[in-house]
Amino acid sequence: MNIEKPVTHIMTLRPSPFAAIKSGNKVIEMRLNDEKRKLISVGDILSFENTDTHEIIYCEVLGLKPFPSFKEMYIYYKPEEIGYAKGDHPDYHDMAQYYSEEKIAKYGTLAIHIKLLK
């Protein structure tokens, strides 16, 4: 893989969202809009590591859209864009396994529009 820009942000993903990005289905990565994410800019390269296999994929940041919470983000995007399979029933409460309500209220959330680099 030939990446012209250096990797600027390293993140980990569980196997399911990792596979959804790798397949090209998931194009929105959902994160807390904390200090670390505020450093991300359009054009940056993200490195995602699968937490189980340690496989790494690279993505370019195409856009950034902040939201007050995951609820608004789930309303705004199609389920497939945020990593759900067709027929799944997305629920913003799913994000509670990653982030507490207190942190979501403090930082808000960030939709990172990504493109897989091949």
Protein backbone atom coordinates (compact mmCIF):
# COMPACT_ATOMS: atom_id res chain seq x y z
CA MET A 1 0.00 0.00 0.00
CA ASN A 2 1.36 3.39 -0.94
CA ILE A 3 0.19 6.13 1.41
CA GLU A 4 1.30 9.58 0.33
CA LYS A 5 0.55 11.30 3.63
CA PRO A 6 1.77 9.95 6.97
CA VAL A 7 -0.74 8.30 9.30
CA THR A 8 -1.84 11.00 11.66
CA HIS A 9 -4.29 9.18 13.93
CA ILE A 10 -4.30 5.61 15.25
CA MET A 11 -7.55 4.03 16.45
CA THR A 12 -8.72 0.57 17.42
CA LEU A 13 -11.94 -1.11 16.32
CA ARG A 14 -13.75 -4.25 17.35
CA PRO A 15 -14.02 -6.91 14.62
CA SER A 16 -17.55 -6.07 13.41
CA PRO A 17 -17.05 -2.35 12.66
CA PHE A 18 -13.56 -3.14 11.33
CA ALA A 19 -15.04 -5.62 8.84
CA ALA A 20 -17.76 -3.13 7.84
CA ILE A 21 -15.13 -0.49 7.00
CA LYS A 22 -12.90 -3.03 5.23
CA SER A 23 -15.83 -4.17 3.06
CA GLY A 24 -16.56 -0.55 2.10
CA ASN A 25 -20.03 -0.53 3.69
CA LYS A 26 -19.29 1.60 6.74
CA VAL A 27 -18.23 5.10 5.67
CA ILE A 28 -18.95 6.97 8.91
CA GLU A 29 -16.86 6.30 11.99
CA MET A 30 -18.62 7.45 15.15
CA ARG A 31 -16.54 8.74 18.01
CA LEU A 32 -16.70 10.98 21.03
CA ASN A 33 -15.70 14.54 20.06
CA ASP A 34 -13.02 14.68 22.74
CA GLU A 35 -9.64 16.42 22.66
CA LYS A 36 -8.05 13.61 20.62
CA ARG A 37 -10.74 13.77 17.90
CA LYS A 38 -10.62 17.57 17.73
CA LEU A 39 -7.11 17.14 16.23
CA ILE A 40 -8.52 15.31 13.17
CA SER A 41 -8.76 17.28 9.93
CA VAL A 42 -10.14 16.57 6.48
CA GLY A 43 -7.40 14.87 4.44
CA ASP A 44 -5.81 13.15 7.44
CA ILE A 45 -5.03 9.45 7.30
CA LEU A 46 -6.49 7.18 9.98
CA SER A 47 -5.05 3.81 10.92
CA PHE A 48 -7.62 1.34 12.29
CA GLU A 49 -6.40 -1.77 14.12
CA ASN A 50 -8.68 -4.77 14.61
CA THR A 51 -8.67 -5.49 18.36
CA ASP A 52 -8.78 -9.26 17.81
CA THR A 53 -6.54 -9.92 14.80
CA HIS A 54 -4.36 -6.76 14.94
CA GLU A 55 -4.89 -6.32 11.20
CA ILE A 56 -4.56 -2.68 10.13
CA ILE A 57 -6.43 -0.74 7.47
CA TYR A 58 -5.99 2.88 6.42
CA CYS A 59 -8.64 5.47 5.64
CA GLU A 60 -8.66 9.06 4.48
CA VAL A 61 -10.85 11.58 6.29
CA LEU A 62 -13.31 13.08 3.79
CA GLY A 63 -15.43 15.07 6.24
CA LEU A 64 -16.21 15.79 9.87
CA LYS A 65 -19.65 16.53 11.33
CA PRO A 66 -20.19 17.14 15.06
CA PHE A 67 -23.44 16.19 16.79
CA PRO A 68 -24.63 16.82 20.35
CA SER A 69 -25.20 13.08 20.85
CA PHE A 70 -25.28 9.76 19.04
CA LYS A 71 -29.07 9.97 18.85
CA GLU A 72 -28.91 12.83 16.31
CA MET A 73 -26.17 11.05 14.37
CA TYR A 74 -28.28 7.89 14.09
CA ILE A 75 -31.16 9.96 12.73
CA TYR A 76 -28.96 11.79 10.21
CA TYR A 77 -27.18 8.81 8.60
CA LYS A 78 -28.44 5.66 6.92
CA PRO A 79 -27.86 2.56 9.08
CA GLU A 80 -25.43 1.04 6.55
CA GLU A 81 -23.29 4.21 6.52
CA ILE A 82 -22.63 3.84 10.25
CA GLY A 83 -21.92 0.12 10.12
CA TYR A 84 -25.20 -1.72 10.42
CA ALA A 85 -26.10 -4.53 8.04
CA LYS A 86 -29.28 -4.31 5.96
CA GLY A 87 -32.17 -5.51 8.09
CA ASP A 88 -30.49 -4.56 11.38
CA HIS A 89 -32.36 -2.28 13.72
CA PRO A 90 -29.95 0.50 14.71
CA ASP A 91 -30.22 1.92 18.17
CA TYR A 92 -28.07 4.79 19.42
CA HIS A 93 -28.04 3.12 22.84
CA ASP A 94 -25.59 0.62 21.26
CA MET A 95 -22.90 3.28 21.74
CA ALA A 96 -23.26 2.99 25.53
CA GLN A 97 -20.87 0.02 25.39
CA TYR A 98 -18.15 2.46 24.31
CA TYR A 99 -19.00 5.80 25.94
CA SER A 100 -20.76 6.90 29.12
CA GLU A 101 -23.68 9.34 29.02
CA GLU A 102 -21.55 11.76 31.06
CA LYS A 103 -18.78 11.80 28.46
CA ILE A 104 -21.27 12.16 25.60
CA ALA A 105 -22.88 15.13 27.39
CA LYS A 106 -19.46 16.68 28.06
CA TYR A 107 -17.86 16.29 24.61
CA GLY A 108 -20.65 15.62 22.12
CA THR A 109 -20.01 13.23 19.25
CA LEU A 110 -18.24 13.32 15.91
CA ALA A 111 -19.11 11.64 12.62
CA ILE A 112 -15.92 11.02 10.65
CA HIS A 113 -16.63 10.45 6.95
CA ILE A 114 -13.93 8.07 5.73
CA LYS A 115 -12.74 6.41 2.54
CA LEU A 116 -10.85 3.13 2.67
CA LEU A 117 -7.44 3.38 1.05
CA LYS A 118 -6.51 0.35 -1.02
